[in-house]
Amino acid sequence: MSLQDEMTAVRRRLDDLVRTVERLERDLPGAAGSEPPGAGSEPRSGAPAHAQELVTIPDTPYDSTLWTDSDDEGLGVRDRRAP
């Protein structure tokens, strides 16, 4: 396959992707470009109203026993030299 043929195939697939995304944006309510829920706009009729749930993260340090027998990613097992 020549470079020109490959470029034509890529262009065709990109056009298909753009058409598919445009179709999805038309078909899906609340698709890209619209305001997120709770951004000052009233919910549409029939749309469920979701309350934002806040998660409180404590300032206390984690229990160190959670990390016993854990390996450091990419560094190997604790108390041993890396290869």
PDB file of N, CA and C in Angstrom:
ATOM      1  N   MET A   1       0.846  -1.157   0.000  1.00  0.00           N
ATOM      2  CA  MET A   1       0.000   0.000   0.000  1.00  0.00           C
ATOM      3  C   MET A   1       0.905   1.237   0.000  1.00  0.00           C
ATOM      4  N   SER A   2       0.634   2.154  -0.877  1.00  0.00           N
ATOM      5  CA  SER A   2       1.456   3.358  -0.970  1.00  0.00           C
ATOM      6  C   SER A   2       1.079   4.350   0.126  1.00  0.00           C
ATOM      7  N   LEU A   3       1.932   5.328   0.304  1.00  0.00           N
ATOM      8  CA  LEU A   3       1.677   6.349   1.316  1.00  0.00           C
ATOM      9  C   LEU A   3       0.401   7.112   1.005  1.00  0.00           C
ATOM     10  N   GLN A   4       0.168   7.396  -0.276  1.00  0.00           N
ATOM     11  CA  GLN A   4      -1.042   8.126  -0.669  1.00  0.00           C
ATOM     12  C   GLN A   4      -2.304   7.317  -0.344  1.00  0.00           C
ATOM     13  N   ASP A   5      -2.254   6.004  -0.577  1.00  0.00           N
ATOM     14  CA  ASP A   5      -3.397   5.147  -0.246  1.00  0.00           C
ATOM     15  C   ASP A   5      -3.649   5.123   1.259  1.00  0.00           C
ATOM     16  N   GLU A   6      -2.567   5.070   2.033  1.00  0.00           N
ATOM     17  CA  GLU A   6      -2.714   5.063   3.484  1.00  0.00           C
ATOM     18  C   GLU A   6      -3.293   6.384   3.977  1.00  0.00           C
ATOM     19  N   MET A   7      -2.845   7.491   3.412  1.00  0.00           N
ATOM     20  CA  MET A   7      -3.371   8.801   3.808  1.00  0.00           C
ATOM     21  C   MET A   7      -4.848   8.930   3.457  1.00  0.00           C
ATOM     22  N   THR A   8      -5.242   8.399   2.304  1.00  0.00           N
ATOM     23  CA  THR A   8      -6.647   8.427   1.901  1.00  0.00           C
ATOM     24  C   THR A   8      -7.491   7.596   2.870  1.00  0.00           C
ATOM     25  N   ALA A   9      -6.975   6.428   3.267  1.00  0.00           N
ATOM     26  CA  ALA A   9      -7.702   5.574   4.204  1.00  0.00           C
ATOM     27  C   ALA A   9      -7.832   6.253   5.567  1.00  0.00           C
ATOM     28  N   VAL A  10      -6.773   6.914   6.017  1.00  0.00           N
ATOM     29  CA  VAL A  10      -6.825   7.616   7.301  1.00  0.00           C
ATOM     30  C   VAL A  10      -7.830   8.754   7.237  1.00  0.00           C
ATOM     31  N   ARG A  11      -7.823   9.511   6.139  1.00  0.00           N
ATOM     32  CA  ARG A  11      -8.766  10.622   5.981  1.00  0.00           C
ATOM     33  C   ARG A  11     -10.205  10.119   6.000  1.00  0.00           C
ATOM     34  N   ARG A  12     -10.449   8.997   5.317  1.00  0.00           N
ATOM     35  CA  ARG A  12     -11.797   8.423   5.267  1.00  0.00           C
ATOM     36  C   ARG A  12     -12.245   7.988   6.667  1.00  0.00           C
ATOM     37  N   ARG A  13     -11.342   7.340   7.407  1.00  0.00           N
ATOM     38  CA  ARG A  13     -11.697   6.893   8.760  1.00  0.00           C
ATOM     39  C   ARG A  13     -11.906   8.077   9.693  1.00  0.00           C
ATOM     40  N   LEU A  14     -11.109   9.123   9.530  1.00  0.00           N
ATOM     41  CA  LEU A  14     -11.284  10.319  10.343  1.00  0.00           C
ATOM     42  C   LEU A  14     -12.619  10.983  10.048  1.00  0.00           C
ATOM     43  N   ASP A  15     -13.000  11.047   8.777  1.00  0.00           N
ATOM     44  CA  ASP A  15     -14.309  11.601   8.412  1.00  0.00           C
ATOM     45  C   ASP A  15     -15.434  10.763   9.015  1.00  0.00           C
ATOM     46  N   ASP A  16     -15.284   9.424   8.983  1.00  0.00           N
ATOM     47  CA  ASP A  16     -16.292   8.554   9.599  1.00  0.00           C
ATOM     48  C   ASP A  16     -16.390   8.815  11.099  1.00  0.00           C
ATOM     49  N   LEU A  17     -15.251   9.007  11.749  1.00  0.00           N
ATOM     50  CA  LEU A  17     -15.248   9.278  13.174  1.00  0.00           C
ATOM     51  C   LEU A  17     -15.938  10.596  13.485  1.00  0.00           C
ATOM     52  N   VAL A  18     -15.654  11.625  12.703  1.00  0.00           N
ATOM     53  CA  VAL A  18     -16.279  12.930  12.919  1.00  0.00           C
ATOM     54  C   VAL A  18     -17.786  12.830  12.742  1.00  0.00           C
ATOM     55  N   ARG A  19     -18.241  12.130  11.710  1.00  0.00           N
ATOM     56  CA  ARG A  19     -19.682  11.964  11.494  1.00  0.00           C
ATOM     57  C   ARG A  19     -20.329  11.201  12.643  1.00  0.00           C
ATOM     58  N   THR A  20     -19.650  10.170  13.139  1.00  0.00           N
ATOM     59  CA  THR A  20     -20.194   9.380  14.242  1.00  0.00           C
ATOM     60  C   THR A  20     -20.303  10.214  15.508  1.00  0.00           C
ATOM     61  N   VAL A  21     -19.279  11.008  15.804  1.00  0.00           N
ATOM     62  CA  VAL A  21     -19.318  11.855  16.997  1.00  0.00           C
ATOM     63  C   VAL A  21     -20.423  12.895  16.872  1.00  0.00           C
ATOM     64  N   GLU A  22     -20.558  13.486  15.705  1.00  0.00           N
ATOM     65  CA  GLU A  22     -21.630  14.472  15.495  1.00  0.00           C
ATOM     66  C   GLU A  22     -23.003  13.839  15.692  1.00  0.00           C
ATOM     67  N   ARG A  23     -23.171  12.620  15.194  1.00  0.00           N
ATOM     68  CA  ARG A  23     -24.451  11.927  15.345  1.00  0.00           C
ATOM     69  C   ARG A  23     -24.712  11.627  16.817  1.00  0.00           C
ATOM     70  N   LEU A  24     -23.679  11.186  17.546  1.00  0.00           N
ATOM     71  CA  LEU A  24     -23.851  10.916  18.972  1.00  0.00           C
ATOM     72  C   LEU A  24     -24.181  12.186  19.743  1.00  0.00           C
ATOM     73  N   GLU A  25     -23.556  13.300  19.397  1.00  0.00           N
ATOM     74  CA  GLU A  25     -23.850  14.560  20.071  1.00  0.00           C
ATOM     75  C   GLU A  25     -25.301  14.981  19.851  1.00  0.00           C
ATOM     76  N   ARG A  26     -25.839  14.705  18.667  1.00  0.00           N
ATOM     77  CA  ARG A  26     -27.241  15.039  18.391  1.00  0.00           C
ATOM     78  C   ARG A  26     -28.176  14.099  19.135  1.00  0.00           C
ATOM     79  N   ASP A  27     -27.830  12.813  19.193  1.00  0.00           N
ATOM     80  CA  ASP A  27     -28.737  11.805  19.744  1.00  0.00           C
ATOM     81  C   ASP A  27     -28.727  11.741  21.262  1.00  0.00           C
ATOM     82  N   LEU A  28     -27.602  12.038  21.898  1.00  0.00           N
ATOM     83  CA  LEU A  28     -27.500  11.900  23.351  1.00  0.00           C
ATOM     84  C   LEU A  28     -27.837  13.211  24.037  1.00  0.00           C
ATOM     85  N   PRO A  29     -28.773  13.173  24.971  1.00  0.00           N
ATOM     86  CA  PRO A  29     -29.065  14.401  25.726  1.00  0.00           C
ATOM     87  C   PRO A  29     -27.908  14.703  26.666  1.00  0.00           C
ATOM     88  N   GLY A  30     -27.598  15.977  26.801  1.00  0.00           N
ATOM     89  CA  GLY A  30     -26.537  16.382  27.709  1.00  0.00           C
ATOM     90  C   GLY A  30     -25.153  16.027  27.200  1.00  0.00           C
ATOM     91  N   ALA A  31     -24.984  15.945  25.881  1.00  0.00           N
ATOM     92  CA  ALA A  31     -23.692  15.589  25.315  1.00  0.00           C
ATOM     93  C   ALA A  31     -22.712  16.746  25.447  1.00  0.00           C
ATOM     94  N   ALA A  32     -21.540  16.585  24.901  1.00  0.00           N
ATOM     95  CA  ALA A  32     -20.475  17.590  25.001  1.00  0.00           C
ATOM     96  C   ALA A  32     -20.972  18.952  24.545  1.00  0.00           C
ATOM     97  N   GLY A  33     -20.475  19.972  25.211  1.00  0.00           N
ATOM     98  CA  GLY A  33     -20.861  21.328  24.859  1.00  0.00           C
ATOM     99  C   GLY A  33     -21.996  21.865  25.702  1.00  0.00           C
ATOM    100  N   SER A  34     -22.686  20.999  26.408  1.00  0.00           N
ATOM    101  CA  SER A  34     -23.763  21.478  27.272  1.00  0.00           C
ATOM    102  C   SER A  34     -23.207  21.670  28.674  1.00  0.00           C
ATOM    103  N   GLU A  35     -23.938  22.411  29.491  1.00  0.00           N
ATOM    104  CA  GLU A  35     -23.484  22.664  30.852  1.00  0.00           C
ATOM    105  C   GLU A  35     -23.625  21.406  31.689  1.00  0.00           C
ATOM    106  N   PRO A  36     -22.696  21.185  32.620  1.00  0.00           N
ATOM    107  CA  PRO A  36     -22.843  20.037  33.506  1.00  0.00           C
ATOM    108  C   PRO A  36     -24.021  20.242  34.443  1.00  0.00           C
ATOM    109  N   PRO A  37     -24.577  19.156  34.983  1.00  0.00           N
ATOM    110  CA  PRO A  37     -25.710  19.288  35.890  1.00  0.00           C
ATOM    111  C   PRO A  37     -25.339  20.136  37.091  1.00  0.00           C
ATOM    112  N   GLY A  38     -26.262  20.995  37.507  1.00  0.00           N
ATOM    113  CA  GLY A  38     -26.030  21.834  38.666  1.00  0.00           C
ATOM    114  C   GLY A  38     -25.223  23.074  38.373  1.00  0.00           C
ATOM    115  N   ALA A  39     -25.031  23.407  37.095  1.00  0.00           N
ATOM    116  CA  ALA A  39     -24.226  24.575  36.736  1.00  0.00           C
ATOM    117  C   ALA A  39     -25.112  25.793  36.551  1.00  0.00           C
ATOM    118  N   GLY A  40     -26.211  25.875  37.260  1.00  0.00           N
ATOM    119  CA  GLY A  40     -27.077  27.029  37.176  1.00  0.00           C
ATOM    120  C   GLY A  40     -28.264  26.830  36.264  1.00  0.00           C
ATOM    121  N   SER A  41     -28.290  25.764  35.514  1.00  0.00           N
ATOM    122  CA  SER A  41     -29.433  25.529  34.631  1.00  0.00           C
ATOM    123  C   SER A  41     -30.416  24.607  35.339  1.00  0.00           C
ATOM    124  N   GLU A  42     -31.659  24.828  35.083  1.00  0.00           N
ATOM    125  CA  GLU A  42     -32.702  24.000  35.667  1.00  0.00           C
ATOM    126  C   GLU A  42     -32.686  22.637  34.987  1.00  0.00           C
ATOM    127  N   PRO A  43     -32.911  21.550  35.729  1.00  0.00           N
ATOM    128  CA  PRO A  43     -32.973  20.231  35.099  1.00  0.00           C
ATOM    129  C   PRO A  43     -34.191  20.128  34.194  1.00  0.00           C
ATOM    130  N   ARG A  44     -34.011  19.413  33.099  1.00  0.00           N
ATOM    131  CA  ARG A  44     -35.137  19.210  32.181  1.00  0.00           C
ATOM    132  C   ARG A  44     -36.198  18.355  32.848  1.00  0.00           C
ATOM    133  N   SER A  45     -37.411  18.469  32.377  1.00  0.00           N
ATOM    134  CA  SER A  45     -38.480  17.662  32.959  1.00  0.00           C
ATOM    135  C   SER A  45     -38.204  16.194  32.670  1.00  0.00           C
ATOM    136  N   GLY A  46     -38.383  15.362  33.666  1.00  0.00           N
ATOM    137  CA  GLY A  46     -38.145  13.934  33.519  1.00  0.00           C
ATOM    138  C   GLY A  46     -36.717  13.535  33.839  1.00  0.00           C
ATOM    139  N   ALA A  47     -35.814  14.493  33.928  1.00  0.00           N
ATOM    140  CA  ALA A  47     -34.426  14.176  34.247  1.00  0.00           C
ATOM    141  C   ALA A  47     -34.283  14.080  35.764  1.00  0.00           C
ATOM    142  N   PRO A  48     -33.605  13.044  36.250  1.00  0.00           N
ATOM    143  CA  PRO A  48     -33.457  12.912  37.697  1.00  0.00           C
ATOM    144  C   PRO A  48     -32.523  13.998  38.234  1.00  0.00           C
ATOM    145  N   ALA A  49     -32.878  14.546  39.386  1.00  0.00           N
ATOM    146  CA  ALA A  49     -32.040  15.562  40.027  1.00  0.00           C
ATOM    147  C   ALA A  49     -31.061  14.845  40.943  1.00  0.00           C
ATOM    148  N   HIS A  50     -29.772  14.978  40.641  1.00  0.00           N
ATOM    149  CA  HIS A  50     -28.735  14.322  41.435  1.00  0.00           C
ATOM    150  C   HIS A  50     -28.139  15.334  42.401  1.00  0.00           C
ATOM    151  N   ALA A  51     -28.109  14.965  43.654  1.00  0.00           N
ATOM    152  CA  ALA A  51     -27.484  15.821  44.661  1.00  0.00           C
ATOM    153  C   ALA A  51     -25.998  15.506  44.688  1.00  0.00           C
ATOM    154  N   GLN A  52     -25.173  16.545  44.778  1.00  0.00           N
ATOM    155  CA  GLN A  52     -23.742  16.318  44.873  1.00  0.00           C
ATOM    156  C   GLN A  52     -23.426  15.796  46.258  1.00  0.00           C
ATOM    157  N   GLU A  53     -22.658  14.720  46.298  1.00  0.00           N
ATOM    158  CA  GLU A  53     -22.246  14.146  47.567  1.00  0.00           C
ATOM    159  C   GLU A  53     -20.795  14.513  47.803  1.00  0.00           C
ATOM    160  N   LEU A  54     -20.520  15.154  48.926  1.00  0.00           N
ATOM    161  CA  LEU A  54     -19.164  15.515  49.273  1.00  0.00           C
ATOM    162  C   LEU A  54     -18.562  14.438  50.160  1.00  0.00           C
ATOM    163  N   VAL A  55     -17.327  14.105  49.894  1.00  0.00           N
ATOM    164  CA  VAL A  55     -16.622  13.112  50.671  1.00  0.00           C
ATOM    165  C   VAL A  55     -15.584  13.835  51.516  1.00  0.00           C
ATOM    166  N   THR A  56     -15.646  13.627  52.804  1.00  0.00           N
ATOM    167  CA  THR A  56     -14.696  14.253  53.713  1.00  0.00           C
ATOM    168  C   THR A  56     -13.481  13.350  53.853  1.00  0.00           C
ATOM    169  N   ILE A  57     -12.305  13.897  53.611  1.00  0.00           N
ATOM    170  CA  ILE A  57     -11.063  13.147  53.741  1.00  0.00           C
ATOM    171  C   ILE A  57     -10.390  13.618  55.023  1.00  0.00           C
ATOM    172  N   PRO A  58     -10.141  12.720  55.961  1.00  0.00           N
ATOM    173  CA  PRO A  58      -9.557  13.133  57.239  1.00  0.00           C
ATOM    174  C   PRO A  58      -8.099  13.560  57.068  1.00  0.00           C
ATOM    175  N   ASP A  59      -7.656  14.448  57.967  1.00  0.00           N
ATOM    176  CA  ASP A  59      -6.278  14.915  57.943  1.00  0.00           C
ATOM    177  C   ASP A  59      -5.337  13.981  58.687  1.00  0.00           C
ATOM    178  N   THR A  60      -5.880  13.026  59.406  1.00  0.00           N
ATOM    179  CA  THR A  60      -5.041  12.109  60.168  1.00  0.00           C
ATOM    180  C   THR A  60      -4.298  11.184  59.213  1.00  0.00           C
ATOM    181  N   PRO A  61      -3.058  10.824  59.557  1.00  0.00           N
ATOM    182  CA  PRO A  61      -2.291   9.936  58.671  1.00  0.00           C
ATOM    183  C   PRO A  61      -2.887   8.524  58.647  1.00  0.00           C
ATOM    184  N   TYR A  62      -2.628   7.827  57.547  1.00  0.00           N
ATOM    185  CA  TYR A  62      -3.099   6.452  57.433  1.00  0.00           C
ATOM    186  C   TYR A  62      -2.353   5.555  58.410  1.00  0.00           C
ATOM    187  N   ASP A  63      -2.998   4.472  58.766  1.00  0.00           N
ATOM    188  CA  ASP A  63      -2.376   3.482  59.633  1.00  0.00           C
ATOM    189  C   ASP A  63      -1.225   2.828  58.859  1.00  0.00           C
ATOM    190  N   SER A  64      -0.037   2.814  59.430  1.00  0.00           N
ATOM    191  CA  SER A  64       1.131   2.279  58.727  1.00  0.00           C
ATOM    192  C   SER A  64       1.038   0.777  58.491  1.00  0.00           C
ATOM    193  N   THR A  65       0.179   0.071  59.214  1.00  0.00           N
ATOM    194  CA  THR A  65       0.043  -1.367  58.993  1.00  0.00           C
ATOM    195  C   THR A  65      -0.628  -1.672  57.659  1.00  0.00           C
ATOM    196  N   LEU A  66      -1.256  -0.650  57.058  1.00  0.00           N
ATOM    197  CA  LEU A  66      -1.840  -0.865  55.732  1.00  0.00           C
ATOM    198  C   LEU A  66      -0.765  -1.134  54.682  1.00  0.00           C
ATOM    199  N   TRP A  67       0.444  -0.661  54.938  1.00  0.00           N
ATOM    200  CA  TRP A  67       1.499  -0.737  53.922  1.00  0.00           C
ATOM    201  C   TRP A  67       2.490  -1.839  54.182  1.00  0.00           C
ATOM    202  N   THR A  68       2.302  -2.663  55.234  1.00  0.00           N
ATOM    203  CA  THR A  68       3.233  -3.755  55.475  1.00  0.00           C
ATOM    204  C   THR A  68       3.083  -4.779  54.359  1.00  0.00           C
ATOM    205  N   ASP A  69       4.185  -5.364  53.980  1.00  0.00           N
ATOM    206  CA  ASP A  69       4.244  -6.375  52.911  1.00  0.00           C
ATOM    207  C   ASP A  69       3.847  -5.813  51.555  1.00  0.00           C
ATOM    208  N   SER A  70       3.990  -4.521  51.369  1.00  0.00           N
ATOM    209  CA  SER A  70       3.673  -3.951  50.061  1.00  0.00           C
ATOM    210  C   SER A  70       4.962  -3.716  49.287  1.00  0.00           C
ATOM    211  N   ASP A  71       4.873  -3.788  47.984  1.00  0.00           N
ATOM    212  CA  ASP A  71       6.024  -3.545  47.115  1.00  0.00           C
ATOM    213  C   ASP A  71       5.899  -2.167  46.513  1.00  0.00           C
ATOM    214  N   ASP A  72       7.028  -1.506  46.303  1.00  0.00           N
ATOM    215  CA  ASP A  72       7.032  -0.232  45.603  1.00  0.00           C
ATOM    216  C   ASP A  72       7.019  -0.528  44.115  1.00  0.00           C
ATOM    217  N   GLU A  73       6.076   0.052  43.409  1.00  0.00           N
ATOM    218  CA  GLU A  73       5.956  -0.218  41.988  1.00  0.00           C
ATOM    219  C   GLU A  73       7.222   0.199  41.260  1.00  0.00           C
ATOM    220  N   GLY A  74       7.783  -0.720  40.517  1.00  0.00           N
ATOM    221  CA  GLY A  74       8.947  -0.429  39.707  1.00  0.00           C
ATOM    222  C   GLY A  74      10.249  -0.468  40.472  1.00  0.00           C
ATOM    223  N   LEU A  75      10.197  -0.584  41.793  1.00  0.00           N
ATOM    224  CA  LEU A  75      11.426  -0.575  42.587  1.00  0.00           C
ATOM    225  C   LEU A  75      11.709  -1.916  43.235  1.00  0.00           C
ATOM    226  N   GLY A  76      10.787  -2.846  43.155  1.00  0.00           N
ATOM    227  CA  GLY A  76      11.015  -4.155  43.729  1.00  0.00           C
ATOM    228  C   GLY A  76      10.563  -4.235  45.175  1.00  0.00           C
ATOM    229  N   VAL A  77      10.979  -5.284  45.848  1.00  0.00           N
ATOM    230  CA  VAL A  77      10.562  -5.566  47.217  1.00  0.00           C
ATOM    231  C   VAL A  77      11.360  -4.693  48.178  1.00  0.00           C
ATOM    232  N   ARG A  78      10.703  -4.236  49.235  1.00  0.00           N
ATOM    233  CA  ARG A  78      11.387  -3.437  50.255  1.00  0.00           C
ATOM    234  C   ARG A  78      12.542  -4.221  50.870  1.00  0.00           C
ATOM    235  N   ASP A  79      13.519  -3.503  51.354  1.00  0.00           N
ATOM    236  CA  ASP A  79      14.678  -4.060  52.034  1.00  0.00           C
ATOM    237  C   ASP A  79      15.521  -4.961  51.138  1.00  0.00           C
ATOM    238  N   ARG A  80      15.372  -4.852  49.840  1.00  0.00           N
ATOM    239  CA  ARG A  80      16.223  -5.568  48.888  1.00  0.00           C
ATOM    240  C   ARG A  80      16.695  -4.581  47.849  1.00  0.00           C
ATOM    241  N   ARG A  81      17.802  -4.901  47.234  1.00  0.00           N
ATOM    242  CA  ARG A  81      18.333  -4.027  46.186  1.00  0.00           C
ATOM    243  C   ARG A  81      17.545  -4.229  44.899  1.00  0.00           C
ATOM    244  N   ALA A  82      17.447  -3.163  44.171  1.00  0.00           N
ATOM    245  CA  ALA A  82      16.799  -3.253  42.861  1.00  0.00           C
ATOM    246  C   ALA A  82      17.734  -3.992  41.913  1.00  0.00           C
ATOM    247  N   PRO A  83      17.193  -4.729  40.963  1.00  0.00           N
ATOM    248  CA  PRO A  83      18.057  -5.486  40.030  1.00  0.00           C
ATOM    249  C   PRO A  83      18.893  -4.590  39.156  1.00  0.00           C
TER     250      PRO A  83
END
